[in-house]
PDB file of N, CA and C in Angstrom:
ATOM      1  N   MET A   1       7.882 -13.845 -16.414  1.00  0.00           N
ATOM      2  CA  MET A   1       8.404 -14.255 -15.230  1.00  0.00           C
ATOM      3  C   MET A   1       9.675 -13.267 -14.646  1.00  0.00           C
ATOM      4  N   THR A   2       9.705 -12.939 -13.462  1.00  0.00           N
ATOM      5  CA  THR A   2      10.657 -11.915 -12.987  1.00  0.00           C
ATOM      6  C   THR A   2      11.714 -12.783 -12.266  1.00  0.00           C
ATOM      7  N   ILE A   3      13.096 -12.277 -12.716  1.00  0.00           N
ATOM      8  CA  ILE A   3      14.260 -12.816 -12.180  1.00  0.00           C
ATOM      9  C   ILE A   3      14.736 -11.807 -11.154  1.00  0.00           C
ATOM     10  N   THR A   4      15.106 -12.324  -9.881  1.00  0.00           N
ATOM     11  CA  THR A   4      15.562 -11.349  -8.864  1.00  0.00           C
ATOM     12  C   THR A   4      16.797 -11.882  -8.284  1.00  0.00           C
ATOM     13  N   HIS A   5      17.726 -10.945  -8.134  1.00  0.00           N
ATOM     14  CA  HIS A   5      18.995 -11.103  -7.626  1.00  0.00           C
ATOM     15  C   HIS A   5      19.346 -10.210  -6.407  1.00  0.00           C
ATOM     16  N   PRO A   6      19.584 -10.689  -5.188  1.00  0.00           N
ATOM     17  CA  PRO A   6      19.836  -9.850  -3.982  1.00  0.00           C
ATOM     18  C   PRO A   6      21.005  -9.046  -4.245  1.00  0.00           C
ATOM     19  N   LEU A   7      20.862  -7.680  -3.982  1.00  0.00           N
ATOM     20  CA  LEU A   7      22.003  -6.900  -4.057  1.00  0.00           C
ATOM     21  C   LEU A   7      22.622  -6.485  -2.706  1.00  0.00           C
ATOM     22  N   TYR A   8      21.818  -5.960  -1.806  1.00  0.00           N
ATOM     23  CA  TYR A   8      22.407  -5.468  -0.621  1.00  0.00           C
ATOM     24  C   TYR A   8      21.272  -5.655   0.525  1.00  0.00           C
ATOM     25  N   ALA A   9      21.666  -5.777   1.655  1.00  0.00           N
ATOM     26  CA  ALA A   9      20.792  -5.827   2.927  1.00  0.00           C
ATOM     27  C   ALA A   9      21.355  -5.040   3.901  1.00  0.00           C
ATOM     28  N   SER A  10      20.817  -3.861   4.523  1.00  0.00           N
ATOM     29  CA  SER A  10      21.371  -2.957   5.374  1.00  0.00           C
ATOM     30  C   SER A  10      21.201  -3.482   6.755  1.00  0.00           C
ATOM     31  N   GLN A  11      21.934  -2.942   7.774  1.00  0.00           N
ATOM     32  CA  GLN A  11      21.905  -3.368   9.050  1.00  0.00           C
ATOM     33  C   GLN A  11      20.403  -3.035   9.697  1.00  0.00           C
ATOM     34  N   ASN A  12      19.630  -2.110   9.076  1.00  0.00           N
ATOM     35  CA  ASN A  12      18.437  -1.817   9.636  1.00  0.00           C
ATOM     36  C   ASN A  12      17.337  -2.587   9.040  1.00  0.00           C
ATOM     37  N   GLY A  13      17.660  -3.499   8.136  1.00  0.00           N
ATOM     38  CA  GLY A  13      16.673  -4.435   7.574  1.00  0.00           C
ATOM     39  C   GLY A  13      16.232  -4.036   6.148  1.00  0.00           C
ATOM     40  N   ASP A  14      16.476  -3.003   5.533  1.00  0.00           N
ATOM     41  CA  ASP A  14      16.101  -2.555   4.143  1.00  0.00           C
ATOM     42  C   ASP A  14      16.984  -3.554   3.313  1.00  0.00           C
ATOM     43  N   ARG A  15      16.313  -3.826   2.199  1.00  0.00           N
ATOM     44  CA  ARG A  15      16.906  -4.760   1.247  1.00  0.00           C
ATOM     45  C   ARG A  15      16.712  -4.185  -0.256  1.00  0.00           C
ATOM     46  N   TRP A  16      17.692  -4.477  -1.104  1.00  0.00           N
ATOM     47  CA  TRP A  16      17.625  -4.091  -2.420  1.00  0.00           C
ATOM     48  C   TRP A  16      17.920  -5.298  -3.237  1.00  0.00           C
ATOM     49  N   SER A  17      17.124  -5.416  -4.372  1.00  0.00           N
ATOM     50  CA  SER A  17      17.454  -6.645  -5.314  1.00  0.00           C
ATOM     51  C   SER A  17      17.436  -5.998  -6.770  1.00  0.00           C
ATOM     52  N   LEU A  18      18.276  -6.636  -7.564  1.00  0.00           N
ATOM     53  CA  LEU A  18      18.288  -6.238  -8.992  1.00  0.00           C
ATOM     54  C   LEU A  18      17.270  -7.286  -9.612  1.00  0.00           C
ATOM     55  N   CYS A  19      16.377  -6.721 -10.315  1.00  0.00           N
ATOM     56  CA  CYS A  19      15.418  -7.494 -11.030  1.00  0.00           C
ATOM     57  C   CYS A  19      15.228  -7.321 -12.602  1.00  0.00           C
ATOM     58  N   ARG A  20      14.831  -8.358 -13.174  1.00  0.00           N
ATOM     59  CA  ARG A  20      14.399  -8.161 -14.545  1.00  0.00           C
ATOM     60  C   ARG A  20      13.045  -8.884 -14.903  1.00  0.00           C
ATOM     61  N   GLY A  21      12.268  -8.211 -15.463  1.00  0.00           N
ATOM     62  CA  GLY A  21      10.736  -8.627 -15.791  1.00  0.00           C
ATOM     63  C   GLY A  21      11.003  -9.452 -17.078  1.00  0.00           C
ATOM     64  N   ALA A  22       9.685  -9.783 -17.497  1.00  0.00           N
ATOM     65  CA  ALA A  22       9.513 -10.763 -18.727  1.00  0.00           C
ATOM     66  C   ALA A  22      10.396 -10.201 -19.909  1.00  0.00           C
ATOM     67  N   ASP A  23      10.352  -8.831 -20.153  1.00  0.00           N
ATOM     68  CA  ASP A  23      11.011  -8.263 -21.149  1.00  0.00           C
ATOM     69  C   ASP A  23      12.402  -7.922 -20.715  1.00  0.00           C
ATOM     70  N   VAL A  24      13.394  -8.284 -21.574  1.00  0.00           N
ATOM     71  CA  VAL A  24      14.805  -8.269 -21.078  1.00  0.00           C
ATOM     72  C   VAL A  24      15.248  -6.813 -20.896  1.00  0.00           C
ATOM     73  N   ALA A  25      14.527  -5.829 -21.446  1.00  0.00           N
ATOM     74  CA  ALA A  25      14.955  -4.472 -21.186  1.00  0.00           C
ATOM     75  C   ALA A  25      14.261  -3.868 -20.007  1.00  0.00           C
ATOM     76  N   ASP A  26      13.368  -4.811 -19.248  1.00  0.00           N
ATOM     77  CA  ASP A  26      12.753  -4.300 -18.074  1.00  0.00           C
ATOM     78  C   ASP A  26      13.594  -4.823 -16.749  1.00  0.00           C
ATOM     79  N   VAL A  27      14.589  -3.880 -16.586  1.00  0.00           N
ATOM     80  CA  VAL A  27      15.707  -4.149 -15.441  1.00  0.00           C
ATOM     81  C   VAL A  27      15.501  -3.006 -14.513  1.00  0.00           C
ATOM     82  N   TYR A  28      15.407  -3.373 -13.180  1.00  0.00           N
ATOM     83  CA  TYR A  28      15.069  -2.245 -12.185  1.00  0.00           C
ATOM     84  C   TYR A  28      15.711  -2.893 -10.913  1.00  0.00           C
ATOM     85  N   VAL A  29      15.608  -1.974  -9.825  1.00  0.00           N
ATOM     86  CA  VAL A  29      15.921  -2.302  -8.487  1.00  0.00           C
ATOM     87  C   VAL A  29      14.679  -2.238  -7.644  1.00  0.00           C
ATOM     88  N   LEU A  30      14.495  -3.296  -6.883  1.00  0.00           N
ATOM     89  CA  LEU A  30      13.370  -3.282  -5.912  1.00  0.00           C
ATOM     90  C   LEU A  30      13.886  -3.095  -4.530  1.00  0.00           C
ATOM     91  N   HIS A  31      13.363  -1.978  -3.971  1.00  0.00           N
ATOM     92  CA  HIS A  31      13.773  -1.721  -2.551  1.00  0.00           C
ATOM     93  C   HIS A  31      12.734  -2.176  -1.582  1.00  0.00           C
ATOM     94  N   GLU A  32      12.941  -2.926  -0.625  1.00  0.00           N
ATOM     95  CA  GLU A  32      12.047  -3.357   0.353  1.00  0.00           C
ATOM     96  C   GLU A  32      12.514  -2.702   1.635  1.00  0.00           C
ATOM     97  N   ALA A  33      11.619  -1.846   2.102  1.00  0.00           N
ATOM     98  CA  ALA A  33      11.951  -1.044   3.404  1.00  0.00           C
ATOM     99  C   ALA A  33      11.750  -2.063   4.547  1.00  0.00           C
ATOM    100  N   ASN A  34      12.500  -1.644   5.650  1.00  0.00           N
ATOM    101  CA  ASN A  34      12.384  -2.613   6.791  1.00  0.00           C
ATOM    102  C   ASN A  34      11.003  -2.557   7.405  1.00  0.00           C
ATOM    103  N   PRO A  35      10.576  -3.571   8.208  1.00  0.00           N
ATOM    104  CA  PRO A  35       9.234  -3.539   8.858  1.00  0.00           C
ATOM    105  C   PRO A  35       9.046  -2.357   9.701  1.00  0.00           C
ATOM    106  N   ALA A  36       9.941  -1.939  10.499  1.00  0.00           N
ATOM    107  CA  ALA A  36       9.719  -0.605  11.255  1.00  0.00           C
ATOM    108  C   ALA A  36       9.359   0.558  10.517  1.00  0.00           C
ATOM    109  N   SER A  37       9.908   0.564   9.267  1.00  0.00           N
ATOM    110  CA  SER A  37       9.413   1.633   8.295  1.00  0.00           C
ATOM    111  C   SER A  37       8.182   1.398   7.453  1.00  0.00           C
ATOM    112  N   GLY A  38       7.582   0.393   7.681  1.00  0.00           N
ATOM    113  CA  GLY A  38       6.254  -0.008   6.873  1.00  0.00           C
ATOM    114  C   GLY A  38       6.501  -1.183   6.020  1.00  0.00           C
ATOM    115  N   GLY A  39       7.657  -1.547   5.689  1.00  0.00           N
ATOM    116  CA  GLY A  39       8.010  -2.616   4.772  1.00  0.00           C
ATOM    117  C   GLY A  39       7.578  -2.386   3.292  1.00  0.00           C
ATOM    118  N   GLN A  40       7.282  -1.135   2.960  1.00  0.00           N
ATOM    119  CA  GLN A  40       6.919  -0.873   1.715  1.00  0.00           C
ATOM    120  C   GLN A  40       7.924  -1.302   0.536  1.00  0.00           C
ATOM    121  N   MET A  41       7.534  -1.717  -0.598  1.00  0.00           N
ATOM    122  CA  MET A  41       8.474  -2.051  -1.680  1.00  0.00           C
ATOM    123  C   MET A  41       8.375  -0.895  -2.664  1.00  0.00           C
ATOM    124  N   SER A  42       9.466  -0.501  -3.260  1.00  0.00           N
ATOM    125  CA  SER A  42       9.537   0.579  -4.272  1.00  0.00           C
ATOM    126  C   SER A  42      10.323   0.045  -5.419  1.00  0.00           C
ATOM    127  N   ARG A  43       9.891   0.275  -6.551  1.00  0.00           N
ATOM    128  CA  ARG A  43      10.503  -0.234  -7.813  1.00  0.00           C
ATOM    129  C   ARG A  43      11.274   1.122  -8.438  1.00  0.00           C
ATOM    130  N   ILE A  44      12.480   1.051  -8.481  1.00  0.00           N
ATOM    131  CA  ILE A  44      13.504   2.149  -8.834  1.00  0.00           C
ATOM    132  C   ILE A  44      14.021   1.781 -10.235  1.00  0.00           C
ATOM    133  N   ALA A  45      13.918   2.633 -11.253  1.00  0.00           N
ATOM    134  CA  ALA A  45      14.463   2.450 -12.571  1.00  0.00           C
ATOM    135  C   ALA A  45      15.916   2.389 -12.365  1.00  0.00           C
ATOM    136  N   LEU A  46      16.609   1.684 -13.196  1.00  0.00           N
ATOM    137  CA  LEU A  46      18.080   1.286 -13.004  1.00  0.00           C
ATOM    138  C   LEU A  46      18.900   2.667 -13.207  1.00  0.00           C
ATOM    139  N   GLY A  47      18.673   3.444 -14.168  1.00  0.00           N
ATOM    140  CA  GLY A  47      19.367   4.772 -14.242  1.00  0.00           C
ATOM    141  C   GLY A  47      19.203   5.675 -13.242  1.00  0.00           C
ATOM    142  N   PRO A  48      18.180   5.995 -12.585  1.00  0.00           N
ATOM    143  CA  PRO A  48      18.226   6.768 -11.519  1.00  0.00           C
ATOM    144  C   PRO A  48      18.708   6.224 -10.231  1.00  0.00           C
ATOM    145  N   PHE A  49      18.762   4.852 -10.050  1.00  0.00           N
ATOM    146  CA  PHE A  49      19.362   4.218  -8.976  1.00  0.00           C
ATOM    147  C   PHE A  49      20.831   4.345  -9.018  1.00  0.00           C
ATOM    148  N   LEU A  50      21.383   4.013 -10.226  1.00  0.00           N
ATOM    149  CA  LEU A  50      22.799   4.209 -10.480  1.00  0.00           C
ATOM    150  C   LEU A  50      23.370   5.672 -10.251  1.00  0.00           C
ATOM    151  N   ALA A  51      22.477   6.574 -10.533  1.00  0.00           N
ATOM    152  CA  ALA A  51      22.839   8.047 -10.462  1.00  0.00           C
ATOM    153  C   ALA A  51      22.744   8.481  -9.064  1.00  0.00           C
ATOM    154  N   GLY A  52      22.348   7.653  -8.079  1.00  0.00           N
ATOM    155  CA  GLY A  52      22.133   8.069  -6.777  1.00  0.00           C
ATOM    156  C   GLY A  52      23.335   8.291  -6.002  1.00  0.00           C
ATOM    157  N   PRO A  53      23.386   8.566  -4.624  1.00  0.00           N
ATOM    158  CA  PRO A  53      24.509   8.941  -3.845  1.00  0.00           C
ATOM    159  C   PRO A  53      25.816   7.943  -4.147  1.00  0.00           C
ATOM    160  N   ALA A  54      26.850   8.447  -4.530  1.00  0.00           N
ATOM    161  CA  ALA A  54      28.161   7.660  -4.899  1.00  0.00           C
ATOM    162  C   ALA A  54      28.589   6.692  -3.796  1.00  0.00           C
ATOM    163  N   GLY A  55      28.458   7.174  -2.473  1.00  0.00           N
ATOM    164  CA  GLY A  55      28.797   6.306  -1.476  1.00  0.00           C
ATOM    165  C   GLY A  55      27.771   5.235  -0.910  1.00  0.00           C
ATOM    166  N   ALA A  56      26.571   5.230  -1.484  1.00  0.00           N
ATOM    167  CA  ALA A  56      25.578   4.378  -0.940  1.00  0.00           C
ATOM    168  C   ALA A  56      26.000   2.838  -1.267  1.00  0.00           C
ATOM    169  N   PRO A  57      26.165   1.992  -0.175  1.00  0.00           N
ATOM    170  CA  PRO A  57      26.532   0.569  -0.348  1.00  0.00           C
ATOM    171  C   PRO A  57      25.761  -0.160  -1.405  1.00  0.00           C
ATOM    172  N   GLU A  58      24.363   0.090  -1.415  1.00  0.00           N
ATOM    173  CA  GLU A  58      23.568  -0.595  -2.382  1.00  0.00           C
ATOM    174  C   GLU A  58      23.896  -0.323  -3.836  1.00  0.00           C
ATOM    175  N   ARG A  59      24.241   0.986  -4.044  1.00  0.00           N
ATOM    176  CA  ARG A  59      24.777   1.407  -5.325  1.00  0.00           C
ATOM    177  C   ARG A  59      26.022   0.757  -5.731  1.00  0.00           C
ATOM    178  N   GLN A  60      27.017   0.867  -4.778  1.00  0.00           N
ATOM    179  CA  GLN A  60      28.482   0.258  -5.006  1.00  0.00           C
ATOM    180  C   GLN A  60      28.219  -1.243  -5.309  1.00  0.00           C
ATOM    181  N   GLU A  61      27.351  -1.982  -4.556  1.00  0.00           N
ATOM    182  CA  GLU A  61      27.147  -3.327  -4.884  1.00  0.00           C
ATOM    183  C   GLU A  61      26.657  -3.536  -6.312  1.00  0.00           C
ATOM    184  N   ALA A  62      25.668  -2.934  -6.780  1.00  0.00           N
ATOM    185  CA  ALA A  62      25.140  -2.818  -8.081  1.00  0.00           C
ATOM    186  C   ALA A  62      26.328  -2.697  -9.075  1.00  0.00           C
ATOM    187  N   LEU A  63      27.192  -1.648  -8.854  1.00  0.00           N
ATOM    188  CA  LEU A  63      28.263  -1.379  -9.777  1.00  0.00           C
ATOM    189  C   LEU A  63      29.268  -2.610  -9.718  1.00  0.00           C
ATOM    190  N   ARG A  64      29.624  -3.121  -8.599  1.00  0.00           N
ATOM    191  CA  ARG A  64      30.397  -4.195  -8.460  1.00  0.00           C
ATOM    192  C   ARG A  64      29.865  -5.520  -9.239  1.00  0.00           C
ATOM    193  N   LEU A  65      28.608  -5.724  -9.235  1.00  0.00           N
ATOM    194  CA  LEU A  65      27.934  -6.765  -9.937  1.00  0.00           C
ATOM    195  C   LEU A  65      28.046  -6.593 -11.411  1.00  0.00           C
ATOM    196  N   ILE A  66      27.676  -5.342 -11.777  1.00  0.00           N
ATOM    197  CA  ILE A  66      27.862  -4.953 -13.276  1.00  0.00           C
ATOM    198  C   ILE A  66      29.269  -5.184 -13.809  1.00  0.00           C
ATOM    199  N   GLY A  67      30.316  -4.805 -12.928  1.00  0.00           N
ATOM    200  CA  GLY A  67      31.714  -5.016 -13.342  1.00  0.00           C
ATOM    201  C   GLY A  67      31.978  -6.318 -13.437  1.00  0.00           C
ATOM    202  N   ALA A  68      31.590  -7.304 -12.594  1.00  0.00           N
ATOM    203  CA  ALA A  68      31.873  -8.666 -12.570  1.00  0.00           C
ATOM    204  C   ALA A  68      31.205  -9.312 -13.828  1.00  0.00           C
ATOM    205  N   LEU A  69      30.007  -8.737 -14.084  1.00  0.00           N
ATOM    206  CA  LEU A  69      29.472  -9.303 -15.443  1.00  0.00           C
ATOM    207  C   LEU A  69      30.199  -8.980 -16.685  1.00  0.00           C
ATOM    208  N   MET A  70      30.644  -7.730 -16.704  1.00  0.00           N
ATOM    209  CA  MET A  70      31.510  -7.244 -17.734  1.00  0.00           C
ATOM    210  C   MET A  70      32.913  -8.228 -17.861  1.00  0.00           C
ATOM    211  N   GLU A  71      33.476  -8.370 -16.722  1.00  0.00           N
ATOM    212  CA  GLU A  71      34.741  -9.203 -16.656  1.00  0.00           C
ATOM    213  C   GLU A  71      34.480 -10.585 -17.214  1.00  0.00           C
ATOM    214  N   ARG A  72      33.321 -11.121 -16.744  1.00  0.00           N
ATOM    215  CA  ARG A  72      32.914 -12.438 -17.173  1.00  0.00           C
ATOM    216  C   ARG A  72      32.691 -12.553 -18.616  1.00  0.00           C
ATOM    217  N   ALA A  73      32.101 -11.556 -19.269  1.00  0.00           N
ATOM    218  CA  ALA A  73      31.777 -11.438 -20.732  1.00  0.00           C
ATOM    219  C   ALA A  73      33.031 -11.342 -21.501  1.00  0.00           C
ATOM    220  N   ALA A  74      34.061 -10.553 -20.923  1.00  0.00           N
ATOM    221  CA  ALA A  74      35.225 -10.493 -21.757  1.00  0.00           C
ATOM    222  C   ALA A  74      36.013 -11.746 -21.692  1.00  0.00           C
ATOM    223  N   GLN A  75      35.936 -12.561 -20.582  1.00  0.00           N
ATOM    224  CA  GLN A  75      36.748 -13.747 -20.696  1.00  0.00           C
ATOM    225  C   GLN A  75      36.051 -14.827 -21.541  1.00  0.00           C
ATOM    226  N   MET A  76      34.727 -14.617 -21.922  1.00  0.00           N
ATOM    227  CA  MET A  76      34.166 -15.568 -22.792  1.00  0.00           C
ATOM    228  C   MET A  76      34.241 -15.286 -24.268  1.00  0.00           C
ATOM    229  N   ARG A  77      34.624 -13.914 -24.463  1.00  0.00           N
ATOM    230  CA  ARG A  77      34.858 -13.550 -25.799  1.00  0.00           C
ATOM    231  C   ARG A  77      36.222 -14.121 -26.353  1.00  0.00           C
ATOM    232  N   PRO A  78      36.154 -14.580 -27.728  1.00  0.00           N
ATOM    233  CA  PRO A  78      37.334 -15.068 -28.128  1.00  0.00           C
ATOM    234  C   PRO A  78      38.381 -13.942 -28.310  1.00  0.00           C
ATOM    235  N   ALA A  79      39.691 -14.260 -28.280  1.00  0.00           N
ATOM    236  CA  ALA A  79      40.754 -13.204 -28.313  1.00  0.00           C
ATOM    237  C   ALA A  79      40.952 -12.623 -29.574  1.00  0.00           C
ATOM    238  N   THR A  80      40.689 -13.408 -30.719  1.00  0.00           N
ATOM    239  CA  THR A  80      40.736 -12.898 -31.947  1.00  0.00           C
ATOM    240  C   THR A  80      39.382 -12.982 -32.749  1.00  0.00           C
ATOM    241  N   PRO A  81      39.130 -12.221 -33.722  1.00  0.00           N
ATOM    242  CA  PRO A  81      37.859 -12.309 -34.434  1.00  0.00           C
ATOM    243  C   PRO A  81      37.883 -13.632 -35.343  1.00  0.00           C
ATOM    244  N   ALA A  82      36.697 -14.133 -35.317  1.00  0.00           N
ATOM    245  CA  ALA A  82      36.633 -15.408 -36.033  1.00  0.00           C
ATOM    246  C   ALA A  82      36.925 -15.168 -37.520  1.00  0.00           C
ATOM    247  N   ALA A  83      37.575 -16.115 -38.103  1.00  0.00           N
ATOM    248  CA  ALA A  83      37.816 -16.014 -39.629  1.00  0.00           C
ATOM    249  C   ALA A  83      36.476 -16.402 -40.219  1.00  0.00           C
ATOM    250  N   PRO A  84      36.399 -15.727 -41.589  1.00  0.00           N
ATOM    251  CA  PRO A  84      35.208 -16.188 -42.264  1.00  0.00           C
ATOM    252  C   PRO A  84      35.162 -17.779 -42.604  1.00  0.00           C
ATOM    253  N   GLU A  85      34.098 -18.304 -42.746  1.00  0.00           N
ATOM    254  CA  GLU A  85      33.962 -19.675 -43.072  1.00  0.00           C
ATOM    255  C   GLU A  85      34.577 -19.991 -44.449  1.00  0.00           C
ATOM    256  N   PRO A  86      35.119 -21.142 -44.656  1.00  0.00           N
ATOM    257  CA  PRO A  86      35.433 -21.446 -45.967  1.00  0.00           C
ATOM    258  C   PRO A  86      34.430 -21.355 -47.018  1.00  0.00           C
ATOM    259  N   GLY A  87      34.594 -20.799 -48.023  1.00  0.00           N
ATOM    260  CA  GLY A  87      33.744 -20.519 -49.253  1.00  0.00           C
ATOM    261  C   GLY A  87      32.686 -19.478 -48.986  1.00  0.00           C
ATOM    262  N   ALA A  88      32.915 -18.563 -47.840  1.00  0.00           N
ATOM    263  CA  ALA A  88      32.084 -17.444 -47.592  1.00  0.00           C
ATOM    264  C   ALA A  88      32.409 -16.309 -48.677  1.00  0.00           C
ATOM    265  N   ALA A  89      31.329 -15.578 -49.282  1.00  0.00           N
ATOM    266  CA  ALA A  89      31.527 -14.595 -50.232  1.00  0.00           C
ATOM    267  C   ALA A  89      32.182 -13.592 -49.654  1.00  0.00           C
ATOM    268  N   ALA A  90      33.079 -12.879 -50.554  1.00  0.00           N
ATOM    269  CA  ALA A  90      33.729 -11.690 -50.003  1.00  0.00           C
ATOM    270  C   ALA A  90      32.819 -10.416 -50.033  1.00  0.00           C
ATOM    271  N   ALA A  91      33.225  -9.426 -49.330  1.00  0.00           N
ATOM    272  CA  ALA A  91      32.395  -8.207 -49.414  1.00  0.00           C
ATOM    273  C   ALA A  91      32.317  -7.539 -50.719  1.00  0.00           C
ATOM    274  N   GLU A  92      31.318  -7.005 -51.053  1.00  0.00           N
ATOM    275  CA  GLU A  92      31.211  -6.334 -52.444  1.00  0.00           C
ATOM    276  C   GLU A  92      31.705  -4.919 -52.296  1.00  0.00           C
ATOM    277  N   PRO A  93      32.432  -4.345 -53.356  1.00  0.00           N
ATOM    278  CA  PRO A  93      32.819  -3.004 -53.216  1.00  0.00           C
ATOM    279  C   PRO A  93      31.824  -2.041 -53.185  1.00  0.00           C
ATOM    280  N   THR A  94      31.938  -0.933 -52.617  1.00  0.00           N
ATOM    281  CA  THR A  94      30.964   0.203 -52.575  1.00  0.00           C
ATOM    282  C   THR A  94      30.848   0.689 -53.948  1.00  0.00           C
ATOM    283  N   PRO A  95      29.658   1.145 -54.638  1.00  0.00           N
ATOM    284  CA  PRO A  95      29.650   1.652 -55.845  1.00  0.00           C
ATOM    285  C   PRO A  95      30.549   2.920 -55.890  1.00  0.00           C
ATOM    286  N   GLY A  96      31.382   2.964 -56.998  1.00  0.00           N
ATOM    287  CA  GLY A  96      32.167   4.040 -57.213  1.00  0.00           C
ATOM    288  C   GLY A  96      33.662   4.002 -56.497  1.00  0.00           C
ATOM    289  N   GLU A  97      33.713   2.886 -55.752  1.00  0.00           N
ATOM    290  CA  GLU A  97      35.014   2.617 -55.065  1.00  0.00           C
ATOM    291  C   GLU A  97      35.873   2.054 -55.922  1.00  0.00           C
ATOM    292  N   ALA A  98      37.170   2.393 -56.036  1.00  0.00           N
ATOM    293  CA  ALA A  98      38.214   1.875 -56.850  1.00  0.00           C
ATOM    294  C   ALA A  98      38.664   0.487 -56.593  1.00  0.00           C
ATOM    295  N   LEU A  99      38.789  -0.372 -57.460  1.00  0.00           N
ATOM    296  CA  LEU A  99      39.130  -1.737 -57.123  1.00  0.00           C
ATOM    297  C   LEU A  99      40.648  -1.804 -57.236  1.00  0.00           C
ATOM    298  N   ARG A 100      41.145  -2.580 -56.281  1.00  0.00           N
ATOM    299  CA  ARG A 100      42.757  -2.684 -56.196  1.00  0.00           C
ATOM    300  C   ARG A 100      43.145  -3.900 -56.986  1.00  0.00           C
TER     301      ARG A 100
END
């Protein structure tokens, strides 16, 4: 199943979408050319898309979305590391390591 999220639509009708295929590592951008240009669809790997022209609005929108996802993930992360569960075993010393 492919998941699609619209990224950007230009004034001339071109559209870009961020997509993920059945495999979670299969992330790419789908470019749909405007009808006057033939309406062809192009699949662009994420790396080359992000390495494209810095001022391209579709690239800027992809970076904004990635930044928003990172911010959201940071807000969901606990502020302090979780304490070990009561009764959890302590780490074993490395062989040859002095015990204190």
